[in-house]
Amino acid sequence: QVQLDESGGGLVQAGDSLRLSCATSGGTFSRYNMGWFRQAPGKEREFVAHISRFGVSTYYADSVKGRFTISRDKAKATVYLQMDSLKPEDTAVYHCAADVTIGPPKIRPYDYEYWGQGTQVTVSS
């Protein structure tokens, strides 16, 4: 069973950048498609980005397309989320998630089997 550990969150100003990391352990990294989700206070968890198990394909929510980039490093068994041109509405707890099924990108939280605890991102205006 894979464990996920996010890091890299913080408090930044609008227009700044952050890179989130999701270190995995206890599993075979290439088995998992990986996703990033976020949850703001009082809101449902929402899809942010997805990367396939070998990093061949990526998929983004419209709200972050062109600003965020998801990537993965097999040697480090880590997934990244590079966030540029941050906006106050990007403020949320960001979670990474792992999915072992084969098929199109999963954008619903309940499609993912494994989750990290999350890292807080706060963007001030």
N, C-alpha and C. Protein backbone atom coordinates (compact mmCIF):
# COMPACT_ATOMS: atom_id res chain seq x y z
N GLN A 1 0.85 -1.19 0.00
CA GLN A 1 0.00 0.00 0.00
C GLN A 1 0.88 1.24 0.00
N VAL A 2 0.60 2.15 -0.91
CA VAL A 2 1.45 3.33 -1.05
C VAL A 2 1.06 4.39 -0.03
N GLN A 3 2.08 5.10 0.48
CA GLN A 3 1.87 6.26 1.33
C GLN A 3 2.27 7.52 0.57
N LEU A 4 1.52 8.60 0.79
CA LEU A 4 1.74 9.86 0.09
C LEU A 4 2.01 10.96 1.10
N ASP A 5 3.01 11.79 0.83
CA ASP A 5 3.39 12.84 1.76
C ASP A 5 3.63 14.14 0.98
N GLU A 6 2.71 15.09 1.14
CA GLU A 6 2.84 16.36 0.42
C GLU A 6 3.69 17.36 1.20
N SER A 7 4.32 18.25 0.46
CA SER A 7 5.08 19.34 1.06
C SER A 7 5.16 20.49 0.06
N GLY A 8 5.63 21.64 0.54
CA GLY A 8 5.86 22.76 -0.35
C GLY A 8 4.85 23.87 -0.29
N GLY A 9 3.81 23.70 0.50
CA GLY A 9 2.81 24.76 0.62
C GLY A 9 3.36 25.94 1.40
N GLY A 10 2.57 27.03 1.41
CA GLY A 10 2.99 28.20 2.15
C GLY A 10 2.10 29.39 1.86
N LEU A 11 2.54 30.55 2.36
CA LEU A 11 1.83 31.80 2.16
C LEU A 11 2.59 32.63 1.13
N VAL A 12 1.93 32.99 0.05
CA VAL A 12 2.55 33.78 -1.01
C VAL A 12 1.60 34.89 -1.44
N GLN A 13 2.11 35.78 -2.26
CA GLN A 13 1.28 36.86 -2.80
C GLN A 13 0.78 36.50 -4.20
N ALA A 14 -0.28 37.14 -4.59
CA ALA A 14 -0.82 36.92 -5.93
C ALA A 14 0.27 37.18 -6.97
N GLY A 15 0.35 36.28 -7.95
CA GLY A 15 1.36 36.38 -8.98
C GLY A 15 2.62 35.57 -8.71
N ASP A 16 2.79 35.12 -7.48
CA ASP A 16 3.96 34.33 -7.12
C ASP A 16 3.82 32.88 -7.59
N SER A 17 4.87 32.11 -7.35
CA SER A 17 4.90 30.70 -7.71
C SER A 17 5.21 29.84 -6.50
N LEU A 18 4.75 28.60 -6.56
CA LEU A 18 5.07 27.58 -5.56
C LEU A 18 5.21 26.25 -6.29
N ARG A 19 6.02 25.37 -5.73
CA ARG A 19 6.08 24.01 -6.25
C ARG A 19 5.75 23.05 -5.12
N LEU A 20 4.70 22.29 -5.30
CA LEU A 20 4.32 21.27 -4.34
C LEU A 20 4.96 19.95 -4.72
N SER A 21 5.31 19.17 -3.70
CA SER A 21 5.86 17.84 -3.92
C SER A 21 4.99 16.81 -3.22
N CYS A 22 4.93 15.64 -3.81
CA CYS A 22 4.21 14.51 -3.21
C CYS A 22 5.14 13.31 -3.28
N ALA A 23 5.77 13.00 -2.17
CA ALA A 23 6.69 11.87 -2.10
C ALA A 23 5.90 10.60 -1.80
N THR A 24 6.17 9.55 -2.56
CA THR A 24 5.47 8.29 -2.36
C THR A 24 6.41 7.25 -1.78
N SER A 25 5.87 6.30 -1.04
CA SER A 25 6.66 5.21 -0.48
C SER A 25 5.75 4.02 -0.27
N GLY A 26 6.36 2.85 -0.21
CA GLY A 26 5.60 1.64 0.09
C GLY A 26 4.90 1.02 -1.09
N GLY A 27 5.15 1.51 -2.28
CA GLY A 27 4.51 0.95 -3.45
C GLY A 27 5.40 1.09 -4.67
N THR A 28 4.96 0.51 -5.79
CA THR A 28 5.70 0.63 -7.04
C THR A 28 5.20 1.87 -7.76
N PHE A 29 6.04 2.89 -7.83
CA PHE A 29 5.62 4.21 -8.30
C PHE A 29 4.96 4.16 -9.67
N SER A 30 5.51 3.36 -10.58
CA SER A 30 4.99 3.35 -11.94
C SER A 30 3.64 2.65 -12.07
N ARG A 31 3.13 2.08 -10.98
CA ARG A 31 1.80 1.47 -11.01
C ARG A 31 0.69 2.51 -10.94
N TYR A 32 1.04 3.70 -10.46
CA TYR A 32 0.01 4.66 -10.08
C TYR A 32 -0.11 5.83 -11.03
N ASN A 33 -1.33 6.07 -11.47
CA ASN A 33 -1.66 7.39 -12.00
C ASN A 33 -1.78 8.31 -10.80
N MET A 34 -1.37 9.56 -10.95
CA MET A 34 -1.36 10.47 -9.82
C MET A 34 -2.20 11.71 -10.11
N GLY A 35 -2.86 12.20 -9.07
CA GLY A 35 -3.66 13.40 -9.22
C GLY A 35 -3.40 14.38 -8.09
N TRP A 36 -3.69 15.64 -8.38
CA TRP A 36 -3.71 16.68 -7.36
C TRP A 36 -5.14 17.21 -7.25
N PHE A 37 -5.57 17.37 -6.02
CA PHE A 37 -6.88 17.96 -5.73
C PHE A 37 -6.67 19.09 -4.73
N ARG A 38 -7.69 19.92 -4.58
CA ARG A 38 -7.62 20.97 -3.57
C ARG A 38 -8.99 21.15 -2.93
N GLN A 39 -8.96 21.63 -1.70
CA GLN A 39 -10.20 21.86 -0.98
C GLN A 39 -10.09 23.15 -0.18
N ALA A 40 -10.94 24.10 -0.52
CA ALA A 40 -11.02 25.36 0.19
C ALA A 40 -12.06 25.23 1.31
N PRO A 41 -11.96 26.08 2.34
CA PRO A 41 -12.93 26.00 3.44
C PRO A 41 -14.37 26.13 2.95
N GLY A 42 -15.22 25.20 3.39
CA GLY A 42 -16.62 25.25 3.03
C GLY A 42 -16.94 24.77 1.63
N LYS A 43 -15.94 24.29 0.92
CA LYS A 43 -16.16 23.82 -0.46
C LYS A 43 -15.81 22.36 -0.59
N GLU A 44 -16.30 21.76 -1.67
CA GLU A 44 -15.98 20.37 -1.94
C GLU A 44 -14.57 20.25 -2.50
N ARG A 45 -14.00 19.06 -2.34
CA ARG A 45 -12.69 18.80 -2.92
C ARG A 45 -12.81 18.81 -4.44
N GLU A 46 -11.90 19.53 -5.10
CA GLU A 46 -11.99 19.65 -6.54
C GLU A 46 -10.70 19.20 -7.22
N PHE A 47 -10.87 18.67 -8.40
CA PHE A 47 -9.76 18.19 -9.22
C PHE A 47 -8.91 19.35 -9.70
N VAL A 48 -7.59 19.13 -9.71
CA VAL A 48 -6.66 20.14 -10.20
C VAL A 48 -5.88 19.62 -11.42
N ALA A 49 -5.23 18.45 -11.25
CA ALA A 49 -4.39 17.95 -12.34
C ALA A 49 -4.19 16.45 -12.19
N HIS A 50 -3.87 15.81 -13.31
CA HIS A 50 -3.65 14.36 -13.36
C HIS A 50 -2.46 14.06 -14.26
N ILE A 51 -1.69 13.05 -13.88
CA ILE A 51 -0.60 12.58 -14.73
C ILE A 51 -0.64 11.07 -14.77
N SER A 52 -0.46 10.52 -15.96
CA SER A 52 -0.55 9.07 -16.12
C SER A 52 0.67 8.40 -15.50
N ARG A 53 0.59 7.09 -15.38
CA ARG A 53 1.59 6.35 -14.60
C ARG A 53 3.00 6.49 -15.14
N PHE A 54 3.17 6.65 -16.42
CA PHE A 54 4.51 6.82 -16.99
C PHE A 54 4.79 8.27 -17.40
N GLY A 55 3.86 9.17 -17.04
CA GLY A 55 4.06 10.58 -17.33
C GLY A 55 3.81 10.96 -18.77
N VAL A 56 3.18 10.06 -19.54
CA VAL A 56 2.98 10.32 -20.96
C VAL A 56 1.89 11.37 -21.18
N SER A 57 0.86 11.33 -20.36
CA SER A 57 -0.24 12.26 -20.56
C SER A 57 -0.56 13.02 -19.28
N THR A 58 -1.02 14.24 -19.45
CA THR A 58 -1.44 15.09 -18.33
C THR A 58 -2.81 15.68 -18.64
N TYR A 59 -3.50 16.09 -17.60
CA TYR A 59 -4.83 16.66 -17.76
C TYR A 59 -5.06 17.65 -16.64
N TYR A 60 -5.68 18.80 -16.97
CA TYR A 60 -5.83 19.89 -16.01
C TYR A 60 -7.26 20.38 -15.93
N ALA A 61 -7.60 20.89 -14.76
CA ALA A 61 -8.86 21.62 -14.63
C ALA A 61 -8.74 22.93 -15.41
N ASP A 62 -9.82 23.38 -15.96
CA ASP A 62 -9.80 24.63 -16.74
C ASP A 62 -9.29 25.81 -15.91
N SER A 63 -9.57 25.78 -14.62
CA SER A 63 -9.21 26.91 -13.76
C SER A 63 -7.71 27.07 -13.57
N VAL A 64 -6.93 26.01 -13.85
CA VAL A 64 -5.48 26.08 -13.64
C VAL A 64 -4.70 25.88 -14.93
N LYS A 65 -5.38 25.56 -16.00
CA LYS A 65 -4.70 25.28 -17.26
C LYS A 65 -3.88 26.49 -17.71
N GLY A 66 -2.63 26.24 -18.07
CA GLY A 66 -1.73 27.32 -18.48
C GLY A 66 -0.97 27.96 -17.33
N ARG A 67 -1.37 27.66 -16.11
CA ARG A 67 -0.67 28.22 -14.93
C ARG A 67 0.02 27.13 -14.11
N PHE A 68 -0.58 25.95 -14.05
CA PHE A 68 -0.04 24.85 -13.24
C PHE A 68 0.53 23.78 -14.17
N THR A 69 1.57 23.09 -13.68
CA THR A 69 2.17 22.00 -14.43
C THR A 69 2.42 20.83 -13.50
N ILE A 70 1.89 19.68 -13.87
CA ILE A 70 2.12 18.46 -13.09
C ILE A 70 3.23 17.66 -13.75
N SER A 71 4.08 17.05 -12.94
CA SER A 71 5.17 16.23 -13.46
C SER A 71 5.50 15.15 -12.45
N ARG A 72 6.29 14.18 -12.86
CA ARG A 72 6.69 13.11 -11.95
C ARG A 72 8.12 12.71 -12.23
N ASP A 73 8.80 12.28 -11.16
CA ASP A 73 10.20 11.85 -11.22
C ASP A 73 10.25 10.42 -10.73
N LYS A 74 10.50 9.49 -11.63
CA LYS A 74 10.50 8.07 -11.27
C LYS A 74 11.61 7.75 -10.27
N ALA A 75 12.78 8.33 -10.46
CA ALA A 75 13.93 8.04 -9.58
C ALA A 75 13.65 8.46 -8.14
N LYS A 76 12.89 9.53 -7.98
CA LYS A 76 12.57 10.02 -6.64
C LYS A 76 11.19 9.57 -6.17
N ALA A 77 10.46 8.88 -7.04
CA ALA A 77 9.10 8.43 -6.71
C ALA A 77 8.27 9.60 -6.17
N THR A 78 8.35 10.69 -6.87
CA THR A 78 7.72 11.94 -6.42
C THR A 78 6.97 12.59 -7.56
N VAL A 79 5.83 13.16 -7.22
CA VAL A 79 5.02 13.94 -8.16
C VAL A 79 5.08 15.40 -7.74
N TYR A 80 5.11 16.28 -8.73
CA TYR A 80 5.22 17.71 -8.45
C TYR A 80 4.03 18.45 -9.04
N LEU A 81 3.73 19.58 -8.44
CA LEU A 81 2.76 20.51 -9.02
C LEU A 81 3.39 21.90 -8.98
N GLN A 82 3.83 22.36 -10.14
CA GLN A 82 4.39 23.70 -10.27
C GLN A 82 3.23 24.66 -10.47
N MET A 83 3.11 25.63 -9.59
CA MET A 83 2.00 26.57 -9.64
C MET A 83 2.54 27.97 -9.87
N ASP A 84 2.22 28.54 -11.00
CA ASP A 84 2.66 29.88 -11.38
C ASP A 84 1.46 30.83 -11.45
N SER A 85 1.76 32.12 -11.41
CA SER A 85 0.70 33.14 -11.51
C SER A 85 -0.44 32.85 -10.54
N LEU A 86 -0.08 32.59 -9.31
CA LEU A 86 -1.09 32.21 -8.32
C LEU A 86 -2.08 33.34 -8.06
N LYS A 87 -3.31 32.92 -7.78
CA LYS A 87 -4.40 33.86 -7.52
C LYS A 87 -4.98 33.59 -6.13
N PRO A 88 -5.62 34.56 -5.52
CA PRO A 88 -6.23 34.30 -4.21
C PRO A 88 -7.21 33.13 -4.23
N GLU A 89 -7.90 32.93 -5.34
CA GLU A 89 -8.84 31.82 -5.42
C GLU A 89 -8.17 30.45 -5.49
N ASP A 90 -6.84 30.42 -5.59
CA ASP A 90 -6.11 29.15 -5.52
C ASP A 90 -5.88 28.73 -4.06
N THR A 91 -6.24 29.56 -3.12
CA THR A 91 -6.06 29.23 -1.70
C THR A 91 -6.87 28.00 -1.33
N ALA A 92 -6.18 27.00 -0.77
CA ALA A 92 -6.83 25.73 -0.42
C ALA A 92 -5.79 24.81 0.21
N VAL A 93 -6.28 23.70 0.74
CA VAL A 93 -5.39 22.60 1.10
C VAL A 93 -5.26 21.71 -0.14
N TYR A 94 -4.04 21.44 -0.53
CA TYR A 94 -3.77 20.65 -1.73
C TYR A 94 -3.39 19.23 -1.32
N HIS A 95 -4.05 18.26 -1.94
CA HIS A 95 -3.82 16.86 -1.67
C HIS A 95 -3.36 16.15 -2.93
N CYS A 96 -2.41 15.22 -2.78
CA CYS A 96 -2.13 14.33 -3.91
C CYS A 96 -2.83 13.01 -3.66
N ALA A 97 -3.07 12.29 -4.74
CA ALA A 97 -3.81 11.04 -4.67
C ALA A 97 -3.27 10.08 -5.71
N ALA A 98 -3.43 8.78 -5.44
CA ALA A 98 -2.94 7.75 -6.33
C ALA A 98 -4.08 6.83 -6.77
N ASP A 99 -4.02 6.44 -8.03
CA ASP A 99 -5.06 5.61 -8.64
C ASP A 99 -4.38 4.49 -9.42
N VAL A 100 -4.81 3.24 -9.20
CA VAL A 100 -4.16 2.10 -9.86
C VAL A 100 -4.94 1.60 -11.07
N THR A 101 -6.09 2.16 -11.36
CA THR A 101 -6.91 1.64 -12.45
C THR A 101 -6.41 2.14 -13.80
N ILE A 102 -6.78 1.43 -14.84
CA ILE A 102 -6.40 1.79 -16.21
C ILE A 102 -7.59 2.45 -16.88
N GLY A 103 -7.34 3.54 -17.60
CA GLY A 103 -8.44 4.21 -18.27
C GLY A 103 -8.16 5.69 -18.42
N PRO A 104 -9.16 6.47 -18.75
CA PRO A 104 -8.99 7.92 -18.93
C PRO A 104 -8.68 8.59 -17.60
N PRO A 105 -8.21 9.84 -17.63
CA PRO A 105 -7.89 10.56 -16.39
C PRO A 105 -9.08 10.63 -15.45
N LYS A 106 -8.82 10.38 -14.18
CA LYS A 106 -9.86 10.41 -13.17
C LYS A 106 -9.92 11.80 -12.56
N ILE A 107 -11.12 12.38 -12.52
CA ILE A 107 -11.26 13.72 -11.97
C ILE A 107 -12.17 13.75 -10.75
N ARG A 108 -12.68 12.62 -10.33
CA ARG A 108 -13.54 12.56 -9.15
C ARG A 108 -12.74 12.00 -7.99
N PRO A 109 -12.85 12.62 -6.83
CA PRO A 109 -12.05 12.16 -5.68
C PRO A 109 -12.25 10.68 -5.36
N TYR A 110 -13.46 10.17 -5.48
CA TYR A 110 -13.70 8.79 -5.06
C TYR A 110 -13.11 7.77 -6.03
N ASP A 111 -12.55 8.23 -7.15
CA ASP A 111 -11.85 7.32 -8.07
C ASP A 111 -10.43 7.01 -7.62
N TYR A 112 -9.95 7.71 -6.61
CA TYR A 112 -8.58 7.52 -6.14
C TYR A 112 -8.57 6.70 -4.86
N GLU A 113 -7.64 5.76 -4.80
CA GLU A 113 -7.59 4.84 -3.67
C GLU A 113 -6.77 5.37 -2.49
N TYR A 114 -5.75 6.16 -2.78
CA TYR A 114 -4.82 6.56 -1.74
C TYR A 114 -4.68 8.09 -1.74
N TRP A 115 -4.54 8.64 -0.52
CA TRP A 115 -4.49 10.10 -0.36
C TRP A 115 -3.42 10.50 0.65
N GLY A 116 -2.85 11.68 0.41
CA GLY A 116 -1.98 12.29 1.39
C GLY A 116 -2.79 13.19 2.32
N GLN A 117 -2.09 13.72 3.35
CA GLN A 117 -2.76 14.55 4.35
C GLN A 117 -3.00 15.97 3.87
N GLY A 118 -2.24 16.41 2.90
CA GLY A 118 -2.45 17.73 2.34
C GLY A 118 -1.44 18.75 2.81
N THR A 119 -1.29 19.82 2.02
CA THR A 119 -0.43 20.94 2.37
C THR A 119 -1.19 22.23 2.05
N GLN A 120 -1.10 23.19 2.97
CA GLN A 120 -1.87 24.43 2.84
C GLN A 120 -1.18 25.40 1.90
N VAL A 121 -1.95 25.95 0.97
CA VAL A 121 -1.49 27.02 0.09
C VAL A 121 -2.40 28.22 0.31
N THR A 122 -1.79 29.34 0.67
CA THR A 122 -2.55 30.57 0.89
C THR A 122 -1.97 31.67 0.00
N VAL A 123 -2.83 32.26 -0.80
CA VAL A 123 -2.41 33.32 -1.73
C VAL A 123 -3.11 34.61 -1.32
N SER A 124 -2.30 35.60 -0.94
CA SER A 124 -2.87 36.88 -0.53
C SER A 124 -2.94 37.83 -1.73
N SER A 125 -3.90 38.72 -1.67
CA SER A 125 -4.09 39.67 -2.79
C SER A 125 -3.26 40.93 -2.61
